[in-house]
């Protein structure tokens, strides 16, 4: 298995099925996502849930039939335990801030949009460079972030220095909200935030924490959160088993969690 940041010359594959065209350059996380999807697609075929004639996707996106078969496979194979009330109470006590109501924050961001054909590796390097620049200048140049947003952001808010105004979790994509809400950080976040739109450099200017909720009032939400954690854990374990039984070429499956299970 390769551990390089890119795969280009060699063609990565799962049981002899190529994951990309020869010469294509994929970010490691994108390659792992394709590998996980192909592992599940092939397993669904062997289980008789998917027609043997289903064609491996050239772009990493499975066919509609393959998607349905993978869903059926996971529903059949994954065992997700029901969280106990004790576990729910512990989780609520440890993550009380997640269940506050009306939490708001004032934020601005710089969006590096991931669009068809974009060089993701180059885009990430550019985003990381801008993140480093605005963090270094955060204390001494308050307009540095706004200038960087106007120069680099692919979001219309870039014209306003990246300002998103006061927002609630419901105003954002769920994966974006998870990175911003329920935390105490103020200032430029020390990491890139990933969303379905691309990579974000984010600065939290102010927070309004909202009102705390009793365990009883959020019990259902806590239980759902723990079920989701259990599902992700079960899926990761299942993928490790499948990868251990497969011929995996050119993909480091253990380097990080796949986007498929994030």
Protein backbone atom coordinates (compact mmCIF):
# COMPACT_ATOMS: atom_id res chain seq x y z
CA UNK A 1 0.00 0.00 0.00
CA UNK A 2 1.15 3.53 -0.75
CA UNK A 3 1.29 6.25 1.90
CA UNK A 4 2.10 9.12 -0.43
CA UNK A 5 -0.17 12.18 -0.49
CA UNK A 6 -1.21 11.49 -4.05
CA UNK A 7 -1.70 8.52 -6.34
CA UNK A 8 -0.93 9.26 -9.97
CA UNK A 9 1.36 6.89 -11.88
CA UNK A 10 -0.06 3.66 -10.47
CA UNK A 11 -3.74 2.82 -10.68
CA UNK A 12 -5.30 2.02 -7.30
CA UNK A 13 -7.70 -0.90 -7.28
CA UNK A 14 -9.92 -3.17 -5.21
CA UNK A 15 -9.77 -6.84 -6.25
CA UNK A 16 -8.48 -5.76 -9.65
CA UNK A 17 -11.19 -3.11 -10.22
CA UNK A 18 -9.58 0.27 -10.94
CA UNK A 19 -10.65 3.20 -8.78
CA UNK A 20 -9.58 5.90 -11.23
CA UNK A 21 -8.29 6.46 -14.73
CA UNK A 22 -4.54 6.01 -15.38
CA UNK A 23 -2.67 9.21 -14.61
CA UNK A 24 -5.50 10.69 -12.54
CA UNK A 25 -4.56 12.47 -9.30
CA UNK A 26 -6.86 11.99 -6.30
CA UNK A 27 -6.65 13.33 -2.78
CA UNK A 28 -6.05 10.47 -0.30
CA UNK A 29 -9.45 10.90 1.36
CA UNK A 30 -11.23 10.83 -2.01
CA UNK A 31 -9.35 7.67 -2.94
CA UNK A 32 -10.28 6.01 0.35
CA UNK A 33 -13.92 6.92 -0.17
CA UNK A 34 -13.90 5.30 -3.60
CA UNK A 35 -12.19 2.23 -2.16
CA UNK A 36 -14.80 1.85 0.59
CA UNK A 37 -17.66 2.27 -1.87
CA UNK A 38 -16.14 -0.32 -4.22
CA UNK A 39 -15.61 -2.78 -1.37
CA UNK A 40 -19.28 -2.50 -0.47
CA UNK A 41 -20.42 -2.66 -4.10
CA UNK A 42 -18.51 -5.90 -4.70
CA UNK A 43 -19.74 -7.38 -1.42
CA UNK A 44 -23.35 -6.57 -2.39
CA UNK A 45 -22.80 -8.39 -5.70
CA UNK A 46 -21.43 -11.48 -3.96
CA UNK A 47 -24.39 -11.41 -1.58
CA UNK A 48 -26.82 -11.45 -4.50
CA UNK A 49 -28.15 -8.00 -3.69
CA UNK A 50 -26.76 -6.42 -6.87
CA UNK A 51 -26.79 -7.66 -10.43
CA UNK A 52 -23.46 -9.14 -11.47
CA UNK A 53 -23.53 -6.93 -14.56
CA UNK A 54 -23.42 -3.70 -12.55
CA UNK A 55 -20.53 -1.66 -13.96
CA UNK A 56 -17.91 -0.21 -11.58
CA UNK A 57 -18.22 3.59 -11.55
CA UNK A 58 -15.59 5.53 -13.46
CA UNK A 59 -16.03 8.66 -11.33
CA UNK A 60 -16.46 7.04 -7.92
CA UNK A 61 -20.24 7.51 -7.86
CA UNK A 62 -22.09 4.15 -7.74
CA UNK A 63 -25.14 3.47 -9.89
CA UNK A 64 -28.59 3.92 -8.40
CA UNK A 65 -28.96 0.15 -8.18
CA UNK A 66 -25.60 -0.18 -6.44
CA UNK A 67 -26.53 2.50 -3.93
CA UNK A 68 -29.75 0.67 -3.06
CA UNK A 69 -27.89 -2.65 -2.80
CA UNK A 70 -25.23 -1.17 -0.52
CA UNK A 71 -27.94 0.28 1.70
CA UNK A 72 -29.63 -3.13 1.89
CA UNK A 73 -26.29 -4.81 2.62
CA UNK A 74 -25.51 -2.48 5.51
CA UNK A 75 -29.00 -2.80 6.94
CA UNK A 76 -28.54 -6.58 6.95
CA UNK A 77 -24.96 -6.77 8.19
CA UNK A 78 -24.51 -3.97 10.71
CA UNK A 79 -25.55 -4.51 14.29
CA UNK A 80 -26.04 -1.23 16.15
CA UNK A 81 -26.85 -1.57 19.86
CA UNK A 82 -29.60 0.53 21.41
CA UNK A 83 -28.01 3.06 23.81
CA UNK A 84 -28.94 2.61 27.47
CA UNK A 85 -30.39 5.44 29.53
CA UNK A 86 -27.20 5.47 31.61
CA UNK A 87 -25.09 5.93 28.47
CA UNK A 88 -27.43 8.69 27.29
CA UNK A 89 -27.15 10.51 30.61
CA UNK A 90 -23.35 10.32 30.52
CA UNK A 91 -23.30 11.64 26.97
CA UNK A 92 -25.62 14.52 27.84
CA UNK A 93 -23.53 15.48 30.86
CA UNK A 94 -20.32 15.45 28.81
CA UNK A 95 -21.80 17.33 25.85
CA UNK A 96 -24.35 19.62 27.42
CA UNK A 97 -23.42 22.48 25.09
CA UNK A 98 -24.58 20.48 22.05
CA UNK A 99 -28.14 20.47 23.28
CA UNK A 100 -28.57 24.14 24.06
CA UNK A 101 -31.36 25.91 22.21
CA UNK A 102 -31.05 29.13 20.23
CA UNK A 103 -27.24 29.02 20.19
CA UNK A 104 -26.00 31.65 17.77
CA UNK A 105 -22.65 32.78 16.56
CA UNK A 106 -21.27 35.56 14.42
CA UNK A 107 -18.88 34.14 11.85
CA UNK A 108 -17.11 34.85 8.62
CA UNK A 109 -15.51 32.39 6.23
CA UNK A 110 -13.43 31.93 3.11
CA UNK A 111 -14.80 29.21 0.84
CA UNK A 112 -12.59 27.18 -1.47
CA UNK A 113 -15.27 25.46 -3.54
CA UNK A 114 -14.80 21.89 -4.73
CA UNK A 115 -16.22 21.77 -8.24
CA UNK A 116 -16.04 19.14 -11.01
CA UNK A 117 -12.53 18.90 -12.42
CA UNK A 118 -10.88 20.90 -9.64
CA UNK A 119 -7.45 19.76 -8.46
CA UNK A 120 -8.38 18.96 -4.85
CA UNK A 121 -4.77 18.57 -3.73
CA UNK A 122 -3.82 22.00 -5.06
CA UNK A 123 -7.02 23.51 -3.65
CA UNK A 124 -6.29 22.12 -0.19
CA UNK A 125 -2.73 23.48 -0.27
CA UNK A 126 -4.05 26.90 -1.23
CA UNK A 127 -6.66 26.81 1.53
CA UNK A 128 -4.08 25.75 4.12
CA UNK A 129 -1.78 28.58 3.03
CA UNK A 130 -4.56 31.14 3.45
CA UNK A 131 -5.49 29.64 6.83
CA UNK A 132 -1.90 30.03 8.00
CA UNK A 133 -1.78 33.62 6.74
CA UNK A 134 -4.96 34.77 8.48
CA UNK A 135 -4.00 33.01 11.72
CA UNK A 136 -0.59 34.68 11.73
CA UNK A 137 -2.12 38.10 11.14
CA UNK A 138 -5.22 37.63 13.28
CA UNK A 139 -3.93 39.53 16.27
CA UNK A 140 -2.22 42.40 14.44
CA UNK A 141 -4.32 43.00 11.33
CA UNK A 142 -8.07 42.76 11.88
CA UNK A 143 -8.76 43.45 8.21
CA UNK A 144 -6.49 40.61 7.10
CA UNK A 145 -9.31 38.07 7.12
CA UNK A 146 -11.67 40.34 5.19
CA UNK A 147 -9.02 41.06 2.57
CA UNK A 148 -8.26 37.34 2.22
CA UNK A 149 -11.98 36.60 1.81
CA UNK A 150 -12.41 39.22 -0.89
CA UNK A 151 -9.37 37.86 -2.73
CA UNK A 152 -10.02 34.13 -2.40
CA UNK A 153 -13.55 33.16 -1.38
CA UNK A 154 -15.89 31.46 -3.85
CA UNK A 155 -18.87 32.43 -1.70
CA UNK A 156 -20.86 35.63 -2.46
CA UNK A 157 -20.13 36.66 1.12
CA UNK A 158 -16.53 37.21 -0.01
CA UNK A 159 -17.53 40.65 -1.25
CA UNK A 160 -18.46 41.48 2.35
CA UNK A 161 -15.21 40.18 3.76
CA UNK A 162 -16.67 36.70 4.24
CA UNK A 163 -19.18 37.92 6.85
CA UNK A 164 -22.05 35.46 7.41
CA UNK A 165 -23.67 37.54 10.15
CA UNK A 166 -25.34 35.91 13.15
CA UNK A 167 -26.26 32.31 12.31
CA UNK A 168 -27.86 29.27 13.99
CA UNK A 169 -27.05 25.63 13.34
CA UNK A 170 -30.24 25.29 11.28
CA UNK A 171 -28.90 27.92 8.86
CA UNK A 172 -25.90 25.76 7.90
CA UNK A 173 -25.16 22.42 6.27
CA UNK A 174 -25.08 19.82 9.09
CA UNK A 175 -21.39 18.98 8.63
CA UNK A 176 -20.53 22.70 8.76
CA UNK A 177 -22.67 23.25 11.87
CA UNK A 178 -21.02 20.35 13.72
CA UNK A 179 -17.64 22.07 13.44
CA UNK A 180 -18.89 25.45 14.66
CA UNK A 181 -21.66 24.93 17.20
CA UNK A 182 -21.37 23.36 20.63
CA UNK A 183 -17.80 24.60 21.07
CA UNK A 184 -16.19 27.51 22.91
CA UNK A 185 -13.62 28.57 20.30
CA UNK A 186 -13.54 32.22 19.29
CA UNK A 187 -11.21 33.51 16.60
CA UNK A 188 -9.87 31.85 13.46
CA UNK A 189 -10.36 28.10 13.79
CA UNK A 190 -7.02 26.25 13.65
CA UNK A 191 -8.31 23.77 11.05
CA UNK A 192 -10.04 23.76 7.70
CA UNK A 193 -13.76 23.05 7.95
CA UNK A 194 -15.06 20.56 5.39
CA UNK A 195 -18.56 20.75 3.94
CA UNK A 196 -20.41 19.56 0.84
CA UNK A 197 -19.47 22.89 -0.75
CA UNK A 198 -15.73 22.63 -0.22
CA UNK A 199 -13.10 23.78 2.27
CA UNK A 200 -13.67 26.70 4.61
CA UNK A 201 -11.38 28.94 6.60
CA UNK A 202 -13.64 30.11 9.44
CA UNK A 203 -13.42 32.85 12.04
CA UNK A 204 -15.89 32.93 14.93
CA UNK A 205 -16.25 36.55 15.98
CA UNK A 206 -18.70 36.06 18.88
CA UNK A 207 -20.93 33.44 20.46
CA UNK A 208 -24.29 33.47 22.22
CA UNK A 209 -24.48 30.10 24.00
CA UNK A 210 -28.26 29.71 24.22
CA UNK A 211 -30.24 28.01 26.99
CA UNK A 212 -29.33 24.66 28.57
CA UNK A 213 -31.87 21.83 28.21
CA UNK A 214 -32.65 19.15 30.77
CA UNK A 215 -31.80 15.55 29.96
CA UNK A 216 -35.48 14.61 29.90
CA UNK A 217 -36.29 17.22 27.26
CA UNK A 218 -33.53 16.07 24.89
CA UNK A 219 -33.44 12.33 25.68
CA UNK A 220 -34.61 11.38 22.17
CA UNK A 221 -31.98 13.58 20.51
CA UNK A 222 -29.23 12.17 22.74
CA UNK A 223 -30.26 8.60 21.96
CA UNK A 224 -30.27 9.38 18.23
CA UNK A 225 -26.79 10.86 18.48
CA UNK A 226 -25.47 7.74 20.22
CA UNK A 227 -27.14 5.48 17.64
CA UNK A 228 -25.36 7.43 14.91
CA UNK A 229 -22.03 7.00 16.71
CA UNK A 230 -22.74 3.29 17.04
CA UNK A 231 -23.59 3.02 13.36
CA UNK A 232 -20.36 4.74 12.33
CA UNK A 233 -18.33 2.47 14.61
CA UNK A 234 -20.02 -0.64 13.22
CA UNK A 235 -19.49 0.53 9.64
CA UNK A 236 -15.79 1.22 10.20
CA UNK A 237 -15.32 -2.22 11.72
CA UNK A 238 -17.16 -3.86 8.81
CA UNK A 239 -15.05 -1.99 6.26
CA UNK A 240 -11.85 -3.08 8.03
CA UNK A 241 -12.97 -6.71 7.77
CA UNK A 242 -13.80 -6.34 4.06
CA UNK A 243 -10.49 -4.60 3.37
CA UNK A 244 -8.62 -7.37 5.19
CA UNK A 245 -10.19 -9.97 2.93
CA UNK A 246 -9.70 -8.02 -0.32
CA UNK A 247 -6.76 -7.33 -2.61
CA UNK A 248 -6.22 -3.62 -2.00
CA UNK A 249 -3.67 -1.87 -4.25
CA UNK A 250 -2.55 1.75 -3.98
CA UNK A 251 -4.82 2.78 -1.10
CA UNK A 252 -3.83 3.30 2.53
CA UNK A 253 -7.08 2.26 4.19
CA UNK A 254 -5.76 2.84 7.70
CA UNK A 255 -4.44 6.38 7.26
CA UNK A 256 -7.67 8.09 8.29
CA UNK A 257 -11.39 7.59 8.54
CA UNK A 258 -13.07 7.49 5.17
CA UNK A 259 -15.49 10.33 4.26
CA UNK A 260 -17.97 7.50 3.69
CA UNK A 261 -18.28 7.04 7.42
CA UNK A 262 -17.81 10.57 8.69
